């Protein structure tokens, strides 16, 4: 990549919340972006292309990769942001819950990451960022989240595994582990209670996650890192 070429990033789960914020943040920093979600609408911009579809479907993942290469010629960064969160007592999860969460959180990571990594290997460079959750290593008594632990915990572990596998091949793999972020999925009436679940006394902002991803993408000596952006939740009880 020459100095005048822009980096090319793929963002999954990009239609709202953190994903939409990531797309805007990357564009503001000069990236070209391919954005994916089930319901995303076409874009009229030249520096971002939206690809609709379920990222758990390998054909959709292939379409995202093909679009990036056809339009922009390379893939520098993949942000695995797509994910769903279902909070229930363990014995209340249904088979449909299990399959839905596993599909988006695990298959949605697997197909696109495998395809992106293959292209990054050809280039000799690239960066994969996984969005996990601080509930993986700091469960909350009032927030039953076994499916998050099972699926996002897998991403936490695979971040280090892939980082070592690809360390000598020019590819870095990192993760961002958010606390509770102020997005449309949390009604304003819940914000005060959710803020108290963080030692810093506030919910996270979408910008906090965007800044973390941008830092990791620029930090060439950082790989296998899980960057916790959780207002101190991971540090212990409070």
C-alpha atoms as a PDB file:
ATOM      1  CA  UNK A   1       0.000   0.000   0.000  1.00  0.00           C
ATOM      2  CA  UNK A   2       1.447   3.345  -1.013  1.00  0.00           C
ATOM      3  CA  UNK A   3       1.364   6.429   1.165  1.00  0.00           C
ATOM      4  CA  UNK A   4      -1.501   7.931  -0.836  1.00  0.00           C
ATOM      5  CA  UNK A   5      -3.760   4.859  -0.639  1.00  0.00           C
ATOM      6  CA  UNK A   6      -6.361   4.785   2.083  1.00  0.00           C
ATOM      7  CA  UNK A   7      -6.741   1.862   4.435  1.00  0.00           C
ATOM      8  CA  UNK A   8      -9.721  -0.382   3.766  1.00  0.00           C
ATOM      9  CA  UNK A   9     -11.811  -1.608   6.691  1.00  0.00           C
ATOM     10  CA  UNK A  10     -14.730  -4.007   6.994  1.00  0.00           C
ATOM     11  CA  UNK A  11     -17.223  -3.491   9.831  1.00  0.00           C
ATOM     12  CA  UNK A  12     -19.953  -6.013  10.653  1.00  0.00           C
ATOM     13  CA  UNK A  13     -23.106  -5.168  12.595  1.00  0.00           C
ATOM     14  CA  UNK A  14     -22.762  -1.705  11.107  1.00  0.00           C
ATOM     15  CA  UNK A  15     -26.304  -0.350  10.787  1.00  0.00           C
ATOM     16  CA  UNK A  16     -26.695   1.178  14.256  1.00  0.00           C
ATOM     17  CA  UNK A  17     -25.103   1.689  17.659  1.00  0.00           C
ATOM     18  CA  UNK A  18     -21.423   0.851  17.990  1.00  0.00           C
ATOM     19  CA  UNK A  19     -21.188  -0.458  14.438  1.00  0.00           C
ATOM     20  CA  UNK A  20     -22.533   2.731  12.873  1.00  0.00           C
ATOM     21  CA  UNK A  21     -20.209   4.732  15.103  1.00  0.00           C
ATOM     22  CA  UNK A  22     -17.243   2.646  13.965  1.00  0.00           C
ATOM     23  CA  UNK A  23     -18.076   3.269  10.320  1.00  0.00           C
ATOM     24  CA  UNK A  24     -18.257   7.032  10.864  1.00  0.00           C
ATOM     25  CA  UNK A  25     -15.100   7.073  12.965  1.00  0.00           C
ATOM     26  CA  UNK A  26     -13.127   5.140  10.360  1.00  0.00           C
ATOM     27  CA  UNK A  27     -14.387   7.358   7.547  1.00  0.00           C
ATOM     28  CA  UNK A  28     -13.408  10.462   9.517  1.00  0.00           C
ATOM     29  CA  UNK A  29      -9.883   9.051   9.778  1.00  0.00           C
ATOM     30  CA  UNK A  30      -9.592   8.522   6.045  1.00  0.00           C
ATOM     31  CA  UNK A  31     -10.496   4.853   5.721  1.00  0.00           C
ATOM     32  CA  UNK A  32     -12.563   3.321   2.966  1.00  0.00           C
ATOM     33  CA  UNK A  33     -15.209   1.079   4.518  1.00  0.00           C
ATOM     34  CA  UNK A  34     -17.346  -1.904   3.603  1.00  0.00           C
ATOM     35  CA  UNK A  35     -20.198  -2.053   6.103  1.00  0.00           C
ATOM     36  CA  UNK A  36     -22.465  -5.029   6.727  1.00  0.00           C
ATOM     37  CA  UNK A  37     -25.626  -5.801   8.635  1.00  0.00           C
ATOM     38  CA  UNK A  38     -28.874  -7.577   7.910  1.00  0.00           C
ATOM     39  CA  UNK A  39     -30.867  -4.393   7.420  1.00  0.00           C
ATOM     40  CA  UNK A  40     -28.285  -1.897   6.206  1.00  0.00           C
ATOM     41  CA  UNK A  41     -29.373   0.363   3.353  1.00  0.00           C
ATOM     42  CA  UNK A  42     -27.290   1.233   0.279  1.00  0.00           C
ATOM     43  CA  UNK A  43     -24.960   4.218   0.624  1.00  0.00           C
ATOM     44  CA  UNK A  44     -24.531   7.000  -1.925  1.00  0.00           C
ATOM     45  CA  UNK A  45     -20.987   7.745  -0.769  1.00  0.00           C
ATOM     46  CA  UNK A  46     -17.914   6.673  -2.722  1.00  0.00           C
ATOM     47  CA  UNK A  47     -15.805   5.792   0.314  1.00  0.00           C
ATOM     48  CA  UNK A  48     -18.285   3.402   1.947  1.00  0.00           C
ATOM     49  CA  UNK A  49     -20.178   0.464   0.464  1.00  0.00           C
ATOM     50  CA  UNK A  50     -22.965  -1.240   2.390  1.00  0.00           C
ATOM     51  CA  UNK A  51     -23.594  -4.954   1.942  1.00  0.00           C
ATOM     52  CA  UNK A  52     -26.832  -6.253   3.432  1.00  0.00           C
ATOM     53  CA  UNK A  53     -27.193  -9.799   4.722  1.00  0.00           C
ATOM     54  CA  UNK A  54     -26.726 -12.129   7.679  1.00  0.00           C
ATOM     55  CA  UNK A  55     -22.997 -12.309   8.350  1.00  0.00           C
ATOM     56  CA  UNK A  56     -23.494 -15.806   9.807  1.00  0.00           C
ATOM     57  CA  UNK A  57     -24.146 -16.930   6.231  1.00  0.00           C
ATOM     58  CA  UNK A  58     -20.874 -17.769   4.501  1.00  0.00           C
ATOM     59  CA  UNK A  59     -22.208 -16.542   1.164  1.00  0.00           C
ATOM     60  CA  UNK A  60     -22.836 -13.121   2.709  1.00  0.00           C
ATOM     61  CA  UNK A  61     -19.315 -13.106   4.161  1.00  0.00           C
ATOM     62  CA  UNK A  62     -17.948 -13.991   0.729  1.00  0.00           C
ATOM     63  CA  UNK A  63     -19.943 -11.125  -0.796  1.00  0.00           C
ATOM     64  CA  UNK A  64     -18.506  -8.667   1.740  1.00  0.00           C
ATOM     65  CA  UNK A  65     -14.940  -9.769   0.967  1.00  0.00           C
ATOM     66  CA  UNK A  66     -15.511  -9.750  -2.793  1.00  0.00           C
ATOM     67  CA  UNK A  67     -17.026  -6.260  -2.597  1.00  0.00           C
ATOM     68  CA  UNK A  68     -14.043  -4.905  -0.663  1.00  0.00           C
ATOM     69  CA  UNK A  69     -11.564  -6.352  -3.139  1.00  0.00           C
ATOM     70  CA  UNK A  70     -13.536  -5.359  -6.231  1.00  0.00           C
ATOM     71  CA  UNK A  71     -14.146  -1.774  -5.110  1.00  0.00           C
ATOM     72  CA  UNK A  72     -11.060  -0.989  -3.042  1.00  0.00           C
ATOM     73  CA  UNK A  73      -8.474  -3.646  -3.942  1.00  0.00           C
ATOM     74  CA  UNK A  74      -7.430  -4.777  -0.478  1.00  0.00           C
ATOM     75  CA  UNK A  75      -8.492  -5.425   3.124  1.00  0.00           C
ATOM     76  CA  UNK A  76      -6.461  -3.857   5.905  1.00  0.00           C
ATOM     77  CA  UNK A  77      -8.786  -4.082   8.907  1.00  0.00           C
ATOM     78  CA  UNK A  78     -11.719  -6.276   9.892  1.00  0.00           C
ATOM     79  CA  UNK A  79     -13.842  -5.255  12.874  1.00  0.00           C
ATOM     80  CA  UNK A  80     -16.032  -8.136  14.058  1.00  0.00           C
ATOM     81  CA  UNK A  81     -18.722  -6.070  15.733  1.00  0.00           C
ATOM     82  CA  UNK A  82     -21.861  -8.059  14.864  1.00  0.00           C
ATOM     83  CA  UNK A  83     -23.354  -9.697  17.924  1.00  0.00           C
ATOM     84  CA  UNK A  84     -26.528 -10.191  19.915  1.00  0.00           C
ATOM     85  CA  UNK A  85     -27.041 -10.265  23.670  1.00  0.00           C
ATOM     86  CA  UNK A  86     -29.778 -12.305  25.338  1.00  0.00           C
ATOM     87  CA  UNK A  87     -29.896 -12.094  29.141  1.00  0.00           C
ATOM     88  CA  UNK A  88     -31.822 -14.942  30.813  1.00  0.00           C
ATOM     89  CA  UNK A  89     -31.326 -17.371  33.670  1.00  0.00           C
ATOM     90  CA  UNK A  90     -29.363 -20.316  32.268  1.00  0.00           C
ATOM     91  CA  UNK A  91     -32.253 -22.786  32.417  1.00  0.00           C
ATOM     92  CA  UNK A  92     -34.594 -20.366  30.605  1.00  0.00           C
ATOM     93  CA  UNK A  93     -32.600 -20.281  27.384  1.00  0.00           C
ATOM     94  CA  UNK A  94     -34.427 -22.009  24.549  1.00  0.00           C
ATOM     95  CA  UNK A  95     -32.927 -23.987  21.713  1.00  0.00           C
ATOM     96  CA  UNK A  96     -33.824 -21.048  19.443  1.00  0.00           C
ATOM     97  CA  UNK A  97     -31.954 -18.655  21.756  1.00  0.00           C
ATOM     98  CA  UNK A  98     -28.895 -20.896  21.656  1.00  0.00           C
ATOM     99  CA  UNK A  99     -28.861 -21.252  17.885  1.00  0.00           C
ATOM    100  CA  UNK A 100     -29.511 -17.561  17.268  1.00  0.00           C
ATOM    101  CA  UNK A 101     -26.745 -16.329  19.563  1.00  0.00           C
ATOM    102  CA  UNK A 102     -24.259 -18.950  18.377  1.00  0.00           C
ATOM    103  CA  UNK A 103     -25.069 -18.144  14.751  1.00  0.00           C
ATOM    104  CA  UNK A 104     -24.421 -14.404  14.971  1.00  0.00           C
ATOM    105  CA  UNK A 105     -21.689 -14.321  17.619  1.00  0.00           C
ATOM    106  CA  UNK A 106     -19.646 -17.346  16.520  1.00  0.00           C
ATOM    107  CA  UNK A 107     -20.460 -18.152  12.893  1.00  0.00           C
ATOM    108  CA  UNK A 108     -20.609 -14.415  12.203  1.00  0.00           C
ATOM    109  CA  UNK A 109     -17.018 -14.205  13.392  1.00  0.00           C
ATOM    110  CA  UNK A 110     -15.747 -17.409  11.818  1.00  0.00           C
ATOM    111  CA  UNK A 111     -16.632 -17.050   8.135  1.00  0.00           C
ATOM    112  CA  UNK A 112     -15.686 -13.413   7.599  1.00  0.00           C
ATOM    113  CA  UNK A 113     -12.501 -13.723   9.670  1.00  0.00           C
ATOM    114  CA  UNK A 114     -11.337 -16.809   7.805  1.00  0.00           C
ATOM    115  CA  UNK A 115     -11.926 -15.167   4.442  1.00  0.00           C
ATOM    116  CA  UNK A 116     -10.360 -11.869   5.485  1.00  0.00           C
ATOM    117  CA  UNK A 117      -7.330 -13.646   6.963  1.00  0.00           C
ATOM    118  CA  UNK A 118      -6.774 -15.477   3.676  1.00  0.00           C
ATOM    119  CA  UNK A 119      -6.602 -12.140   1.855  1.00  0.00           C
ATOM    120  CA  UNK A 120      -4.396 -10.599   4.538  1.00  0.00           C
ATOM    121  CA  UNK A 121      -1.982 -13.516   4.167  1.00  0.00           C
ATOM    122  CA  UNK A 122      -1.697 -12.753   0.454  1.00  0.00           C
ATOM    123  CA  UNK A 123      -1.009  -9.096   1.252  1.00  0.00           C
ATOM    124  CA  UNK A 124       1.404  -9.901   4.089  1.00  0.00           C
ATOM    125  CA  UNK A 125      -0.424  -7.528   6.408  1.00  0.00           C
ATOM    126  CA  UNK A 126      -3.732  -6.923   8.147  1.00  0.00           C
ATOM    127  CA  UNK A 127      -5.516  -6.440  11.449  1.00  0.00           C
ATOM    128  CA  UNK A 128      -8.547  -8.190  12.944  1.00  0.00           C
ATOM    129  CA  UNK A 129     -10.405  -6.627  15.884  1.00  0.00           C
ATOM    130  CA  UNK A 130     -13.039  -8.581  17.813  1.00  0.00           C
ATOM    131  CA  UNK A 131     -15.669  -6.836  19.925  1.00  0.00           C
ATOM    132  CA  UNK A 132     -16.290  -8.937  23.046  1.00  0.00           C
ATOM    133  CA  UNK A 133     -17.756  -7.952  26.442  1.00  0.00           C
ATOM    134  CA  UNK A 134     -16.399  -7.366  29.911  1.00  0.00           C
ATOM    135  CA  UNK A 135     -18.970  -9.898  31.182  1.00  0.00           C
ATOM    136  CA  UNK A 136     -16.562 -12.570  29.942  1.00  0.00           C
ATOM    137  CA  UNK A 137     -14.196 -12.011  32.860  1.00  0.00           C
ATOM    138  CA  UNK A 138     -16.349  -9.937  35.225  1.00  0.00           C
ATOM    139  CA  UNK A 139     -19.846 -11.477  35.493  1.00  0.00           C
ATOM    140  CA  UNK A 140     -22.497  -9.382  37.243  1.00  0.00           C
ATOM    141  CA  UNK A 141     -24.850 -11.032  39.710  1.00  0.00           C
ATOM    142  CA  UNK A 142     -27.835  -9.105  38.412  1.00  0.00           C
ATOM    143  CA  UNK A 143     -27.102  -9.737  34.727  1.00  0.00           C
ATOM    144  CA  UNK A 144     -27.372 -13.440  33.808  1.00  0.00           C
ATOM    145  CA  UNK A 145     -25.317 -13.779  30.633  1.00  0.00           C
ATOM    146  CA  UNK A 146     -24.233 -17.352  30.022  1.00  0.00           C
ATOM    147  CA  UNK A 147     -24.659 -17.106  26.253  1.00  0.00           C
ATOM    148  CA  UNK A 148     -22.497 -13.988  26.172  1.00  0.00           C
ATOM    149  CA  UNK A 149     -19.864 -15.777  28.230  1.00  0.00           C
ATOM    150  CA  UNK A 150     -20.008 -18.824  25.978  1.00  0.00           C
ATOM    151  CA  UNK A 151     -19.782 -16.969  22.672  1.00  0.00           C
ATOM    152  CA  UNK A 152     -17.889 -13.777  23.418  1.00  0.00           C
ATOM    153  CA  UNK A 153     -15.627 -15.758  25.728  1.00  0.00           C
ATOM    154  CA  UNK A 154     -14.708 -17.787  22.664  1.00  0.00           C
ATOM    155  CA  UNK A 155     -13.764 -14.611  20.817  1.00  0.00           C
ATOM    156  CA  UNK A 156     -11.676 -13.529  23.786  1.00  0.00           C
ATOM    157  CA  UNK A 157      -9.708 -16.786  23.606  1.00  0.00           C
ATOM    158  CA  UNK A 158      -9.452 -16.940  19.822  1.00  0.00           C
ATOM    159  CA  UNK A 159      -8.007 -13.419  19.776  1.00  0.00           C
ATOM    160  CA  UNK A 160      -4.860 -14.680  21.488  1.00  0.00           C
ATOM    161  CA  UNK A 161      -4.764 -17.919  19.500  1.00  0.00           C
ATOM    162  CA  UNK A 162      -4.895 -16.148  16.145  1.00  0.00           C
ATOM    163  CA  UNK A 163      -2.484 -13.449  17.316  1.00  0.00           C
ATOM    164  CA  UNK A 164       0.164 -16.110  17.899  1.00  0.00           C
ATOM    165  CA  UNK A 165      -0.672 -18.054  14.731  1.00  0.00           C
ATOM    166  CA  UNK A 166      -0.264 -14.952  12.558  1.00  0.00           C
ATOM    167  CA  UNK A 167       2.354 -12.979  14.504  1.00  0.00           C
ATOM    168  CA  UNK A 168       5.117 -13.799  12.020  1.00  0.00           C
ATOM    169  CA  UNK A 169       2.900 -13.261   8.981  1.00  0.00           C
ATOM    170  CA  UNK A 170       2.226  -9.531   9.324  1.00  0.00           C
ATOM    171  CA  UNK A 171      -1.286  -9.930  10.729  1.00  0.00           C
ATOM    172  CA  UNK A 172      -2.291  -8.616  14.148  1.00  0.00           C
ATOM    173  CA  UNK A 173      -5.374  -9.749  16.093  1.00  0.00           C
ATOM    174  CA  UNK A 174      -6.804  -7.785  19.019  1.00  0.00           C
ATOM    175  CA  UNK A 175     -10.091  -7.303  20.853  1.00  0.00           C
ATOM    176  CA  UNK A 176     -12.055  -4.545  22.540  1.00  0.00           C
ATOM    177  CA  UNK A 177     -14.074  -5.559  25.609  1.00  0.00           C
ATOM    178  CA  UNK A 178     -16.804  -2.991  26.322  1.00  0.00           C
ATOM    179  CA  UNK A 179     -18.836  -2.400  29.408  1.00  0.00           C
ATOM    180  CA  UNK A 180     -22.401  -1.173  28.937  1.00  0.00           C
ATOM    181  CA  UNK A 181     -22.421   1.348  26.115  1.00  0.00           C
ATOM    182  CA  UNK A 182     -25.051   4.040  25.614  1.00  0.00           C
ATOM    183  CA  UNK A 183     -26.762   2.865  22.429  1.00  0.00           C
ATOM    184  CA  UNK A 184     -30.399   2.750  21.247  1.00  0.00           C
ATOM    185  CA  UNK A 185     -30.783  -0.732  22.745  1.00  0.00           C
ATOM    186  CA  UNK A 186     -30.803   0.847  26.243  1.00  0.00           C
ATOM    187  CA  UNK A 187     -33.830   3.028  26.988  1.00  0.00           C
ATOM    188  CA  UNK A 188     -32.968   6.394  28.587  1.00  0.00           C
ATOM    189  CA  UNK A 189     -34.987   5.413  31.667  1.00  0.00           C
ATOM    190  CA  UNK A 190     -32.419   2.657  32.365  1.00  0.00           C
ATOM    191  CA  UNK A 191     -29.306   4.825  32.032  1.00  0.00           C
ATOM    192  CA  UNK A 192     -29.007   5.865  35.675  1.00  0.00           C
ATOM    193  CA  UNK A 193     -29.192   2.260  36.903  1.00  0.00           C
ATOM    194  CA  UNK A 194     -26.794   1.031  34.223  1.00  0.00           C
ATOM    195  CA  UNK A 195     -24.298   3.780  35.050  1.00  0.00           C
ATOM    196  CA  UNK A 196     -24.029   2.382  38.586  1.00  0.00           C
ATOM    197  CA  UNK A 197     -22.758  -0.924  37.160  1.00  0.00           C
ATOM    198  CA  UNK A 198     -19.426   0.775  36.386  1.00  0.00           C
ATOM    199  CA  UNK A 199     -16.881   1.938  38.967  1.00  0.00           C
ATOM    200  CA  UNK A 200     -16.457   5.198  37.037  1.00  0.00           C
ATOM    201  CA  UNK A 201     -20.151   5.845  37.562  1.00  0.00           C
ATOM    202  CA  UNK A 202     -21.243   6.267  33.964  1.00  0.00           C
ATOM    203  CA  UNK A 203     -22.130   4.244  30.897  1.00  0.00           C
ATOM    204  CA  UNK A 204     -19.669   4.109  28.052  1.00  0.00           C
ATOM    205  CA  UNK A 205     -20.156   6.204  24.938  1.00  0.00           C
ATOM    206  CA  UNK A 206     -19.910   4.860  21.411  1.00  0.00           C
ATOM    207  CA  UNK A 207     -16.911   7.141  20.898  1.00  0.00           C
ATOM    208  CA  UNK A 208     -15.070   5.274  23.672  1.00  0.00           C
ATOM    209  CA  UNK A 209     -15.214   2.075  21.615  1.00  0.00           C
ATOM    210  CA  UNK A 210     -14.391   3.833  18.354  1.00  0.00           C
ATOM    211  CA  UNK A 211     -11.315   5.411  19.947  1.00  0.00           C
ATOM    212  CA  UNK A 212     -10.184   2.017  21.252  1.00  0.00           C
ATOM    213  CA  UNK A 213     -10.482   0.374  17.832  1.00  0.00           C
ATOM    214  CA  UNK A 214      -8.627   3.245  16.166  1.00  0.00           C
ATOM    215  CA  UNK A 215      -5.854   3.022  18.753  1.00  0.00           C
ATOM    216  CA  UNK A 216      -5.418  -0.709  18.208  1.00  0.00           C
ATOM    217  CA  UNK A 217      -5.405  -0.260  14.444  1.00  0.00           C
ATOM    218  CA  UNK A 218      -2.529   2.181  14.728  1.00  0.00           C
ATOM    219  CA  UNK A 219      -0.602   0.287  17.424  1.00  0.00           C
ATOM    220  CA  UNK A 220       1.740  -1.821  15.317  1.00  0.00           C
ATOM    221  CA  UNK A 221       3.467  -3.418  18.324  1.00  0.00           C
ATOM    222  CA  UNK A 222       0.206  -4.600  19.940  1.00  0.00           C
ATOM    223  CA  UNK A 223      -1.290  -8.015  19.195  1.00  0.00           C
ATOM    224  CA  UNK A 224      -3.195 -10.557  21.259  1.00  0.00           C
ATOM    225  CA  UNK A 225      -4.489  -7.711  23.427  1.00  0.00           C
ATOM    226  CA  UNK A 226      -7.976  -7.499  24.921  1.00  0.00           C
ATOM    227  CA  UNK A 227      -8.461  -3.787  25.561  1.00  0.00           C
ATOM    228  CA  UNK A 228     -11.090  -3.349  28.272  1.00  0.00           C
ATOM    229  CA  UNK A 229     -13.215  -0.247  27.814  1.00  0.00           C
ATOM    230  CA  UNK A 230     -15.597  -0.860  30.677  1.00  0.00           C
ATOM    231  CA  UNK A 231     -15.361   1.950  33.199  1.00  0.00           C
ATOM    232  CA  UNK A 232     -13.288  -0.267  35.497  1.00  0.00           C
ATOM    233  CA  UNK A 233     -15.674  -3.241  35.710  1.00  0.00           C
ATOM    234  CA  UNK A 234     -12.955  -5.810  35.029  1.00  0.00           C
ATOM    235  CA  UNK A 235     -10.821  -4.585  37.943  1.00  0.00           C
ATOM    236  CA  UNK A 236     -12.924  -6.288  40.604  1.00  0.00           C
ATOM    237  CA  UNK A 237     -15.852  -5.822  42.958  1.00  0.00           C
ATOM    238  CA  UNK A 238     -16.981  -2.364  44.043  1.00  0.00           C
END
